[in-house]
Amino acid sequence: MMAFDDSHKRFVKFALVGISGTIVDFGFFNLFSILFRLPVVLSSVLSFSIAVFNNFYWNRVWTYPESKQLRAIDQFVKFGVVSLFGLAIRTPLFALIKEPITIMTQALLPANFPIRTDIVGHNFALTLVIIVVLFWNYFANRFWTYRSLSFAKKTKEENEP
């Protein structure tokens, strides 16, 4: 059986932080698109931006606590750049799939479904693009934003005989 090493633990923590960011993302997405009636693509961009702050904070405090030895602003700039690339992946992909997913949802759900099918379709499309961007964000942040942390050196030194 494969050992659950530091990189696996970090990925799980990163994913759990991502889940909290996803909750923030979905909450604000639905607030903006349903309550404030903003266009869904704009709602997606705004909710993503708010979730970035949530994720940065929790990754700095919990996933990579040793990152607190570095200046927060320097780290946030890197995290922000990675997030902007993630947004550049997410936004056109969301715009591309939201309509076909909504049409599919309308075809699959009964007419008396308690939630409007366009809302279900938009949220399902958002789920798919969040999953795609999760992997980009993890690897880009792991190997660029948090690359210089001493944990990498300590882990290597601890594993050497």
N, C-alpha and C. Protein backbone atom coordinates (compact mmCIF):
# COMPACT_ATOMS: atom_id res chain seq x y z
N MET A 1 0.85 -1.18 0.00
CA MET A 1 0.00 0.00 0.00
C MET A 1 0.90 1.24 0.00
N MET A 2 0.51 2.25 -0.77
CA MET A 2 1.31 3.45 -0.91
C MET A 2 1.18 4.33 0.34
N ALA A 3 2.30 4.89 0.77
CA ALA A 3 2.29 5.75 1.95
C ALA A 3 1.60 7.07 1.64
N PHE A 4 0.93 7.61 2.65
CA PHE A 4 0.24 8.89 2.55
C PHE A 4 1.24 9.95 2.98
N ASP A 5 2.08 10.40 2.02
CA ASP A 5 3.18 11.30 2.36
C ASP A 5 2.71 12.75 2.43
N ASP A 6 3.68 13.63 2.67
CA ASP A 6 3.40 15.05 2.87
C ASP A 6 2.68 15.67 1.68
N SER A 7 3.08 15.30 0.48
CA SER A 7 2.43 15.89 -0.69
C SER A 7 0.97 15.46 -0.80
N HIS A 8 0.66 14.23 -0.43
CA HIS A 8 -0.72 13.78 -0.43
C HIS A 8 -1.54 14.52 0.63
N LYS A 9 -0.94 14.67 1.81
CA LYS A 9 -1.64 15.39 2.89
C LYS A 9 -1.91 16.83 2.48
N ARG A 10 -0.93 17.44 1.85
CA ARG A 10 -1.10 18.84 1.41
C ARG A 10 -2.18 18.94 0.34
N PHE A 11 -2.23 17.97 -0.56
CA PHE A 11 -3.27 18.00 -1.58
C PHE A 11 -4.65 17.88 -0.93
N VAL A 12 -4.79 16.99 0.05
CA VAL A 12 -6.07 16.84 0.74
C VAL A 12 -6.44 18.14 1.45
N LYS A 13 -5.48 18.76 2.14
CA LYS A 13 -5.75 20.04 2.80
C LYS A 13 -6.13 21.10 1.77
N PHE A 14 -5.38 21.14 0.66
CA PHE A 14 -5.67 22.10 -0.40
C PHE A 14 -7.08 21.88 -0.94
N ALA A 15 -7.46 20.62 -1.11
CA ALA A 15 -8.80 20.30 -1.61
C ALA A 15 -9.88 20.69 -0.60
N LEU A 16 -9.61 20.48 0.70
CA LEU A 16 -10.58 20.88 1.73
C LEU A 16 -10.74 22.39 1.77
N VAL A 17 -9.62 23.10 1.63
CA VAL A 17 -9.71 24.57 1.53
C VAL A 17 -10.50 24.92 0.27
N GLY A 18 -10.25 24.19 -0.79
CA GLY A 18 -11.00 24.42 -2.03
C GLY A 18 -12.49 24.20 -1.85
N ILE A 19 -12.86 23.21 -1.03
CA ILE A 19 -14.28 22.97 -0.75
C ILE A 19 -14.87 24.19 -0.03
N SER A 20 -14.13 24.73 0.93
CA SER A 20 -14.66 25.92 1.62
C SER A 20 -14.77 27.08 0.63
N GLY A 21 -13.79 27.20 -0.26
CA GLY A 21 -13.86 28.23 -1.29
C GLY A 21 -15.01 28.00 -2.25
N THR A 22 -15.29 26.73 -2.52
CA THR A 22 -16.41 26.38 -3.40
C THR A 22 -17.74 26.78 -2.77
N ILE A 23 -17.86 26.58 -1.47
CA ILE A 23 -19.07 27.00 -0.77
C ILE A 23 -19.23 28.52 -0.86
N VAL A 24 -18.14 29.24 -0.63
CA VAL A 24 -18.15 30.70 -0.78
C VAL A 24 -18.52 31.06 -2.22
N ASP A 25 -17.87 30.39 -3.17
CA ASP A 25 -18.09 30.65 -4.59
C ASP A 25 -19.56 30.44 -4.96
N PHE A 26 -20.11 29.29 -4.63
CA PHE A 26 -21.51 29.00 -4.96
C PHE A 26 -22.46 29.96 -4.25
N GLY A 27 -22.18 30.24 -2.99
CA GLY A 27 -23.05 31.14 -2.24
C GLY A 27 -23.14 32.51 -2.90
N PHE A 28 -21.99 33.09 -3.21
CA PHE A 28 -21.99 34.41 -3.85
C PHE A 28 -22.48 34.34 -5.30
N PHE A 29 -22.14 33.26 -6.01
CA PHE A 29 -22.64 33.11 -7.38
C PHE A 29 -24.16 33.17 -7.41
N ASN A 30 -24.79 32.41 -6.52
CA ASN A 30 -26.25 32.38 -6.49
C ASN A 30 -26.83 33.69 -5.96
N LEU A 31 -26.16 34.30 -5.01
CA LEU A 31 -26.59 35.61 -4.51
C LEU A 31 -26.60 36.64 -5.65
N PHE A 32 -25.50 36.69 -6.38
CA PHE A 32 -25.38 37.67 -7.47
C PHE A 32 -26.33 37.36 -8.63
N SER A 33 -26.38 36.09 -9.04
CA SER A 33 -27.16 35.75 -10.24
C SER A 33 -28.66 35.66 -9.98
N ILE A 34 -29.06 35.19 -8.80
CA ILE A 34 -30.49 35.02 -8.53
C ILE A 34 -31.06 36.26 -7.83
N LEU A 35 -30.45 36.65 -6.72
CA LEU A 35 -31.00 37.76 -5.95
C LEU A 35 -30.76 39.10 -6.63
N PHE A 36 -29.53 39.34 -7.07
CA PHE A 36 -29.21 40.63 -7.70
C PHE A 36 -29.43 40.62 -9.22
N ARG A 37 -29.73 39.43 -9.78
CA ARG A 37 -30.03 39.27 -11.21
C ARG A 37 -28.91 39.76 -12.13
N LEU A 38 -27.66 39.57 -11.69
CA LEU A 38 -26.53 39.89 -12.55
C LEU A 38 -26.38 38.78 -13.58
N PRO A 39 -25.77 39.06 -14.73
CA PRO A 39 -25.52 37.99 -15.70
C PRO A 39 -24.68 36.87 -15.07
N VAL A 40 -24.94 35.64 -15.47
CA VAL A 40 -24.29 34.50 -14.79
C VAL A 40 -22.78 34.49 -14.98
N VAL A 41 -22.27 34.91 -16.13
CA VAL A 41 -20.82 34.91 -16.31
C VAL A 41 -20.19 35.95 -15.39
N LEU A 42 -20.78 37.15 -15.27
CA LEU A 42 -20.29 38.17 -14.35
C LEU A 42 -20.40 37.67 -12.91
N SER A 43 -21.50 37.03 -12.57
CA SER A 43 -21.67 36.48 -11.22
C SER A 43 -20.58 35.47 -10.91
N SER A 44 -20.22 34.65 -11.91
CA SER A 44 -19.17 33.66 -11.74
C SER A 44 -17.81 34.32 -11.48
N VAL A 45 -17.51 35.39 -12.20
CA VAL A 45 -16.24 36.09 -12.02
C VAL A 45 -16.19 36.73 -10.63
N LEU A 46 -17.26 37.38 -10.23
CA LEU A 46 -17.29 38.04 -8.91
C LEU A 46 -17.19 37.02 -7.77
N SER A 47 -17.93 35.94 -7.87
CA SER A 47 -17.91 34.93 -6.80
C SER A 47 -16.54 34.26 -6.72
N PHE A 48 -15.94 34.02 -7.87
CA PHE A 48 -14.59 33.45 -7.91
C PHE A 48 -13.60 34.37 -7.19
N SER A 49 -13.70 35.66 -7.45
CA SER A 49 -12.79 36.63 -6.85
C SER A 49 -12.89 36.64 -5.33
N ILE A 50 -14.09 36.54 -4.82
CA ILE A 50 -14.28 36.49 -3.37
C ILE A 50 -13.71 35.20 -2.80
N ALA A 51 -13.92 34.09 -3.51
CA ALA A 51 -13.41 32.79 -3.05
C ALA A 51 -11.88 32.77 -3.02
N VAL A 52 -11.24 33.53 -3.90
CA VAL A 52 -9.76 33.59 -3.92
C VAL A 52 -9.23 34.08 -2.57
N PHE A 53 -9.85 35.11 -2.01
CA PHE A 53 -9.41 35.63 -0.71
C PHE A 53 -9.59 34.58 0.38
N ASN A 54 -10.72 33.88 0.37
CA ASN A 54 -10.96 32.79 1.33
C ASN A 54 -9.86 31.74 1.21
N ASN A 55 -9.59 31.31 -0.02
CA ASN A 55 -8.62 30.24 -0.23
C ASN A 55 -7.20 30.67 0.12
N PHE A 56 -6.85 31.90 -0.21
CA PHE A 56 -5.51 32.37 0.14
C PHE A 56 -5.31 32.33 1.64
N TYR A 57 -6.28 32.86 2.37
CA TYR A 57 -6.16 32.90 3.84
C TYR A 57 -5.97 31.49 4.41
N TRP A 58 -6.85 30.56 4.05
CA TRP A 58 -6.81 29.22 4.64
C TRP A 58 -5.61 28.42 4.17
N ASN A 59 -5.18 28.61 2.94
CA ASN A 59 -3.96 27.92 2.50
C ASN A 59 -2.74 28.44 3.24
N ARG A 60 -2.69 29.73 3.48
CA ARG A 60 -1.56 30.32 4.21
C ARG A 60 -1.55 29.87 5.67
N VAL A 61 -2.71 29.79 6.28
CA VAL A 61 -2.81 29.46 7.70
C VAL A 61 -2.75 27.96 7.95
N TRP A 62 -3.37 27.16 7.08
CA TRP A 62 -3.54 25.74 7.39
C TRP A 62 -2.76 24.82 6.45
N THR A 63 -2.91 24.95 5.14
CA THR A 63 -2.27 24.04 4.22
C THR A 63 -0.76 24.22 4.23
N TYR A 64 -0.32 25.48 4.21
CA TYR A 64 1.11 25.81 4.19
C TYR A 64 1.42 26.78 5.35
N PRO A 65 1.28 26.34 6.61
CA PRO A 65 1.46 27.27 7.73
C PRO A 65 2.87 27.87 7.78
N GLU A 66 3.85 27.14 7.27
CA GLU A 66 5.21 27.67 7.26
C GLU A 66 5.35 28.84 6.29
N SER A 67 4.34 29.05 5.47
CA SER A 67 4.40 30.17 4.53
C SER A 67 4.27 31.51 5.25
N LYS A 68 3.87 31.47 6.51
CA LYS A 68 3.76 32.73 7.27
C LYS A 68 5.13 33.37 7.51
N GLN A 69 6.20 32.62 7.25
CA GLN A 69 7.53 33.20 7.37
C GLN A 69 7.83 34.16 6.20
N LEU A 70 7.04 34.09 5.14
CA LEU A 70 7.20 34.96 3.98
C LEU A 70 6.20 36.11 4.06
N ARG A 71 6.49 37.18 3.34
CA ARG A 71 5.59 38.33 3.33
C ARG A 71 4.28 37.95 2.66
N ALA A 72 3.17 38.26 3.33
CA ALA A 72 1.85 37.90 2.81
C ALA A 72 1.58 38.54 1.46
N ILE A 73 1.99 39.78 1.29
CA ILE A 73 1.71 40.47 0.03
C ILE A 73 2.42 39.81 -1.14
N ASP A 74 3.67 39.38 -0.93
CA ASP A 74 4.40 38.70 -2.00
C ASP A 74 3.70 37.39 -2.38
N GLN A 75 3.27 36.67 -1.37
CA GLN A 75 2.58 35.42 -1.61
C GLN A 75 1.24 35.65 -2.28
N PHE A 76 0.52 36.68 -1.81
CA PHE A 76 -0.81 36.94 -2.38
C PHE A 76 -0.70 37.32 -3.85
N VAL A 77 0.34 38.05 -4.21
CA VAL A 77 0.52 38.42 -5.62
C VAL A 77 0.68 37.15 -6.46
N LYS A 78 1.53 36.23 -6.00
CA LYS A 78 1.71 34.97 -6.74
C LYS A 78 0.39 34.18 -6.77
N PHE A 79 -0.26 34.06 -5.61
CA PHE A 79 -1.53 33.35 -5.53
C PHE A 79 -2.55 34.00 -6.45
N GLY A 80 -2.55 35.32 -6.48
CA GLY A 80 -3.47 36.06 -7.34
C GLY A 80 -3.21 35.82 -8.81
N VAL A 81 -1.94 35.77 -9.20
CA VAL A 81 -1.59 35.50 -10.60
C VAL A 81 -2.07 34.11 -11.00
N VAL A 82 -1.81 33.13 -10.14
CA VAL A 82 -2.28 31.78 -10.41
C VAL A 82 -3.81 31.78 -10.53
N SER A 83 -4.46 32.49 -9.64
CA SER A 83 -5.92 32.56 -9.65
C SER A 83 -6.43 33.24 -10.92
N LEU A 84 -5.74 34.27 -11.37
CA LEU A 84 -6.15 34.94 -12.61
C LEU A 84 -6.06 33.99 -13.81
N PHE A 85 -5.01 33.17 -13.84
CA PHE A 85 -4.92 32.16 -14.90
C PHE A 85 -6.06 31.14 -14.75
N GLY A 86 -6.37 30.78 -13.49
CA GLY A 86 -7.50 29.89 -13.25
C GLY A 86 -8.80 30.51 -13.73
N LEU A 87 -8.96 31.80 -13.49
CA LEU A 87 -10.15 32.51 -13.95
C LEU A 87 -10.18 32.56 -15.47
N ALA A 88 -9.01 32.70 -16.09
CA ALA A 88 -8.93 32.71 -17.55
C ALA A 88 -9.29 31.35 -18.15
N ILE A 89 -9.10 30.29 -17.40
CA ILE A 89 -9.52 28.95 -17.83
C ILE A 89 -11.02 28.81 -17.58
N ARG A 90 -11.44 29.22 -16.41
CA ARG A 90 -12.81 29.02 -15.94
C ARG A 90 -13.85 29.81 -16.73
N THR A 91 -13.60 31.08 -16.96
CA THR A 91 -14.63 31.95 -17.51
C THR A 91 -15.07 31.54 -18.92
N PRO A 92 -14.14 31.37 -19.86
CA PRO A 92 -14.61 30.95 -21.20
C PRO A 92 -15.19 29.53 -21.19
N LEU A 93 -14.64 28.66 -20.35
CA LEU A 93 -15.19 27.31 -20.26
C LEU A 93 -16.62 27.35 -19.72
N PHE A 94 -16.84 28.15 -18.68
CA PHE A 94 -18.19 28.30 -18.12
C PHE A 94 -19.14 28.88 -19.17
N ALA A 95 -18.69 29.94 -19.85
CA ALA A 95 -19.53 30.57 -20.88
C ALA A 95 -19.87 29.57 -21.99
N LEU A 96 -18.93 28.69 -22.30
CA LEU A 96 -19.12 27.70 -23.37
C LEU A 96 -20.11 26.60 -22.96
N ILE A 97 -20.03 26.12 -21.71
CA ILE A 97 -20.84 24.96 -21.34
C ILE A 97 -22.14 25.28 -20.61
N LYS A 98 -22.33 26.51 -20.16
CA LYS A 98 -23.52 26.81 -19.34
C LYS A 98 -24.83 26.54 -20.09
N GLU A 99 -24.90 26.94 -21.35
CA GLU A 99 -26.14 26.73 -22.11
C GLU A 99 -26.40 25.25 -22.42
N PRO A 100 -25.41 24.52 -22.95
CA PRO A 100 -25.67 23.09 -23.20
C PRO A 100 -26.01 22.31 -21.92
N ILE A 101 -25.34 22.66 -20.83
CA ILE A 101 -25.62 21.99 -19.55
C ILE A 101 -27.04 22.34 -19.09
N THR A 102 -27.44 23.58 -19.25
CA THR A 102 -28.78 24.00 -18.85
C THR A 102 -29.83 23.30 -19.70
N ILE A 103 -29.59 23.19 -21.00
CA ILE A 103 -30.52 22.49 -21.89
C ILE A 103 -30.63 21.02 -21.49
N MET A 104 -29.49 20.40 -21.17
CA MET A 104 -29.48 19.00 -20.73
C MET A 104 -30.26 18.86 -19.42
N THR A 105 -30.05 19.80 -18.51
CA THR A 105 -30.75 19.77 -17.23
C THR A 105 -32.26 19.89 -17.43
N GLN A 106 -32.67 20.77 -18.31
CA GLN A 106 -34.10 20.94 -18.60
C GLN A 106 -34.69 19.66 -19.17
N ALA A 107 -33.93 18.95 -19.98
CA ALA A 107 -34.41 17.71 -20.58
C ALA A 107 -34.49 16.57 -19.56
N LEU A 108 -33.58 16.58 -18.57
CA LEU A 108 -33.51 15.46 -17.62
C LEU A 108 -34.39 15.63 -16.39
N LEU A 109 -34.62 16.86 -15.97
CA LEU A 109 -35.40 17.08 -14.74
C LEU A 109 -36.88 17.18 -15.05
N PRO A 110 -37.71 16.70 -14.14
CA PRO A 110 -39.17 16.81 -14.36
C PRO A 110 -39.62 18.27 -14.32
N ALA A 111 -40.72 18.55 -14.99
CA ALA A 111 -41.25 19.92 -15.06
C ALA A 111 -41.59 20.49 -13.69
N ASN A 112 -41.93 19.62 -12.75
CA ASN A 112 -42.29 20.09 -11.41
C ASN A 112 -41.12 20.08 -10.43
N PHE A 113 -39.90 20.05 -10.95
CA PHE A 113 -38.70 20.07 -10.09
C PHE A 113 -38.74 21.35 -9.25
N PRO A 114 -38.43 21.26 -7.94
CA PRO A 114 -38.60 22.41 -7.05
C PRO A 114 -37.64 23.59 -7.28
N ILE A 115 -36.56 23.36 -8.03
CA ILE A 115 -35.61 24.44 -8.32
C ILE A 115 -35.63 24.66 -9.82
N ARG A 116 -35.61 25.92 -10.23
CA ARG A 116 -35.62 26.22 -11.66
C ARG A 116 -34.47 25.50 -12.36
N THR A 117 -34.76 24.92 -13.51
CA THR A 117 -33.74 24.13 -14.22
C THR A 117 -32.57 24.98 -14.69
N ASP A 118 -32.78 26.26 -14.97
CA ASP A 118 -31.64 27.09 -15.37
C ASP A 118 -30.69 27.28 -14.21
N ILE A 119 -31.23 27.40 -13.00
CA ILE A 119 -30.37 27.53 -11.81
C ILE A 119 -29.58 26.24 -11.60
N VAL A 120 -30.24 25.09 -11.72
CA VAL A 120 -29.56 23.80 -11.58
C VAL A 120 -28.48 23.66 -12.66
N GLY A 121 -28.81 24.01 -13.88
CA GLY A 121 -27.85 23.90 -14.98
C GLY A 121 -26.65 24.79 -14.79
N HIS A 122 -26.87 26.02 -14.37
CA HIS A 122 -25.75 26.94 -14.14
C HIS A 122 -24.86 26.45 -13.01
N ASN A 123 -25.47 25.94 -11.95
CA ASN A 123 -24.68 25.43 -10.83
C ASN A 123 -23.92 24.16 -11.20
N PHE A 124 -24.51 23.32 -12.03
CA PHE A 124 -23.80 22.12 -12.48
C PHE A 124 -22.62 22.50 -13.37
N ALA A 125 -22.82 23.47 -14.26
CA ALA A 125 -21.73 23.96 -15.11
C ALA A 125 -20.61 24.55 -14.25
N LEU A 126 -20.98 25.30 -13.23
CA LEU A 126 -19.99 25.87 -12.33
C LEU A 126 -19.21 24.77 -11.62
N THR A 127 -19.90 23.72 -11.21
CA THR A 127 -19.23 22.58 -10.56
C THR A 127 -18.16 21.99 -11.47
N LEU A 128 -18.49 21.80 -12.72
CA LEU A 128 -17.53 21.20 -13.66
C LEU A 128 -16.31 22.08 -13.85
N VAL A 129 -16.50 23.39 -14.00
CA VAL A 129 -15.33 24.24 -14.23
C VAL A 129 -14.50 24.39 -12.96
N ILE A 130 -15.13 24.32 -11.80
CA ILE A 130 -14.37 24.38 -10.54
C ILE A 130 -13.46 23.16 -10.43
N ILE A 131 -13.94 22.00 -10.82
CA ILE A 131 -13.13 20.78 -10.77
C ILE A 131 -11.92 20.90 -11.70
N VAL A 132 -12.13 21.43 -12.89
CA VAL A 132 -11.02 21.61 -13.84
C VAL A 132 -9.97 22.54 -13.25
N VAL A 133 -10.42 23.67 -12.71
CA VAL A 133 -9.50 24.70 -12.22
C VAL A 133 -8.79 24.25 -10.93
N LEU A 134 -9.40 23.36 -10.16
CA LEU A 134 -8.78 22.86 -8.93
C LEU A 134 -7.38 22.32 -9.21
N PHE A 135 -7.25 21.53 -10.24
CA PHE A 135 -5.95 20.91 -10.53
C PHE A 135 -4.92 21.95 -10.98
N TRP A 136 -5.33 22.88 -11.82
CA TRP A 136 -4.43 23.96 -12.21
C TRP A 136 -3.97 24.72 -10.97
N ASN A 137 -4.91 25.12 -10.13
CA ASN A 137 -4.57 25.91 -8.94
C ASN A 137 -3.63 25.16 -8.00
N TYR A 138 -3.90 23.89 -7.78
CA TYR A 138 -3.06 23.14 -6.85
C TYR A 138 -1.62 23.08 -7.36
N PHE A 139 -1.43 22.61 -8.57
CA PHE A 139 -0.07 22.41 -9.06
C PHE A 139 0.66 23.73 -9.28
N ALA A 140 -0.02 24.72 -9.78
CA ALA A 140 0.64 26.02 -9.99
C ALA A 140 1.03 26.65 -8.66
N ASN A 141 0.16 26.60 -7.68
CA ASN A 141 0.50 27.16 -6.37
C ASN A 141 1.57 26.33 -5.67
N ARG A 142 1.47 25.03 -5.77
CA ARG A 142 2.44 24.15 -5.10
C ARG A 142 3.85 24.37 -5.63
N PHE A 143 3.97 24.51 -6.93
CA PHE A 143 5.30 24.60 -7.52
C PHE A 143 5.76 26.02 -7.83
N TRP A 144 4.91 27.01 -7.60
CA TRP A 144 5.36 28.39 -7.80
C TRP A 144 5.14 29.24 -6.55
N THR A 145 3.91 29.37 -6.10
CA THR A 145 3.61 30.24 -4.96
C THR A 145 4.32 29.76 -3.70
N TYR A 146 4.28 28.45 -3.44
CA TYR A 146 4.82 27.90 -2.19
C TYR A 146 6.15 27.16 -2.40
N ARG A 147 6.74 27.29 -3.56
CA ARG A 147 7.96 26.57 -3.92
C ARG A 147 9.13 26.87 -2.99
N SER A 148 9.29 28.11 -2.58
CA SER A 148 10.48 28.51 -1.84
C SER A 148 10.41 28.22 -0.34
N LEU A 149 9.36 27.57 0.10
CA LEU A 149 9.21 27.33 1.54
C LEU A 149 10.23 26.32 2.05
N SER A 150 10.61 26.52 3.28
CA SER A 150 11.61 25.64 3.87
C SER A 150 11.08 24.23 4.10
N PHE A 151 9.75 24.03 4.07
CA PHE A 151 9.23 22.68 4.31
C PHE A 151 9.76 21.71 3.26
N ALA A 152 9.95 22.18 2.04
CA ALA A 152 10.46 21.30 0.99
C ALA A 152 11.86 20.82 1.33
N LYS A 153 12.69 21.74 1.84
CA LYS A 153 14.05 21.36 2.22
C LYS A 153 14.05 20.46 3.44
N LYS A 154 13.19 20.79 4.43
CA LYS A 154 13.12 20.00 5.65
C LYS A 154 12.66 18.58 5.34
N THR A 155 11.63 18.45 4.48
CA THR A 155 11.12 17.14 4.14
C THR A 155 12.20 16.30 3.47
N LYS A 156 12.95 16.91 2.57
CA LYS A 156 14.02 16.19 1.88
C LYS A 156 15.11 15.77 2.87
N GLU A 157 15.49 16.67 3.78
CA GLU A 157 16.53 16.36 4.76
C GLU A 157 16.08 15.28 5.75
N GLU A 158 14.79 15.32 6.13
CA GLU A 158 14.27 14.35 7.08
C GLU A 158 14.23 12.94 6.46
N ASN A 159 14.03 12.87 5.15
CA ASN A 159 13.93 11.57 4.49
C ASN A 159 15.29 10.97 4.13
N GLU A 160 16.33 11.76 4.23
CA GLU A 160 17.67 11.25 3.93
C GLU A 160 18.23 10.51 5.13
N PRO A 161 18.99 9.44 4.89
CA PRO A 161 19.54 8.66 6.02
C PRO A 161 20.64 9.40 6.75
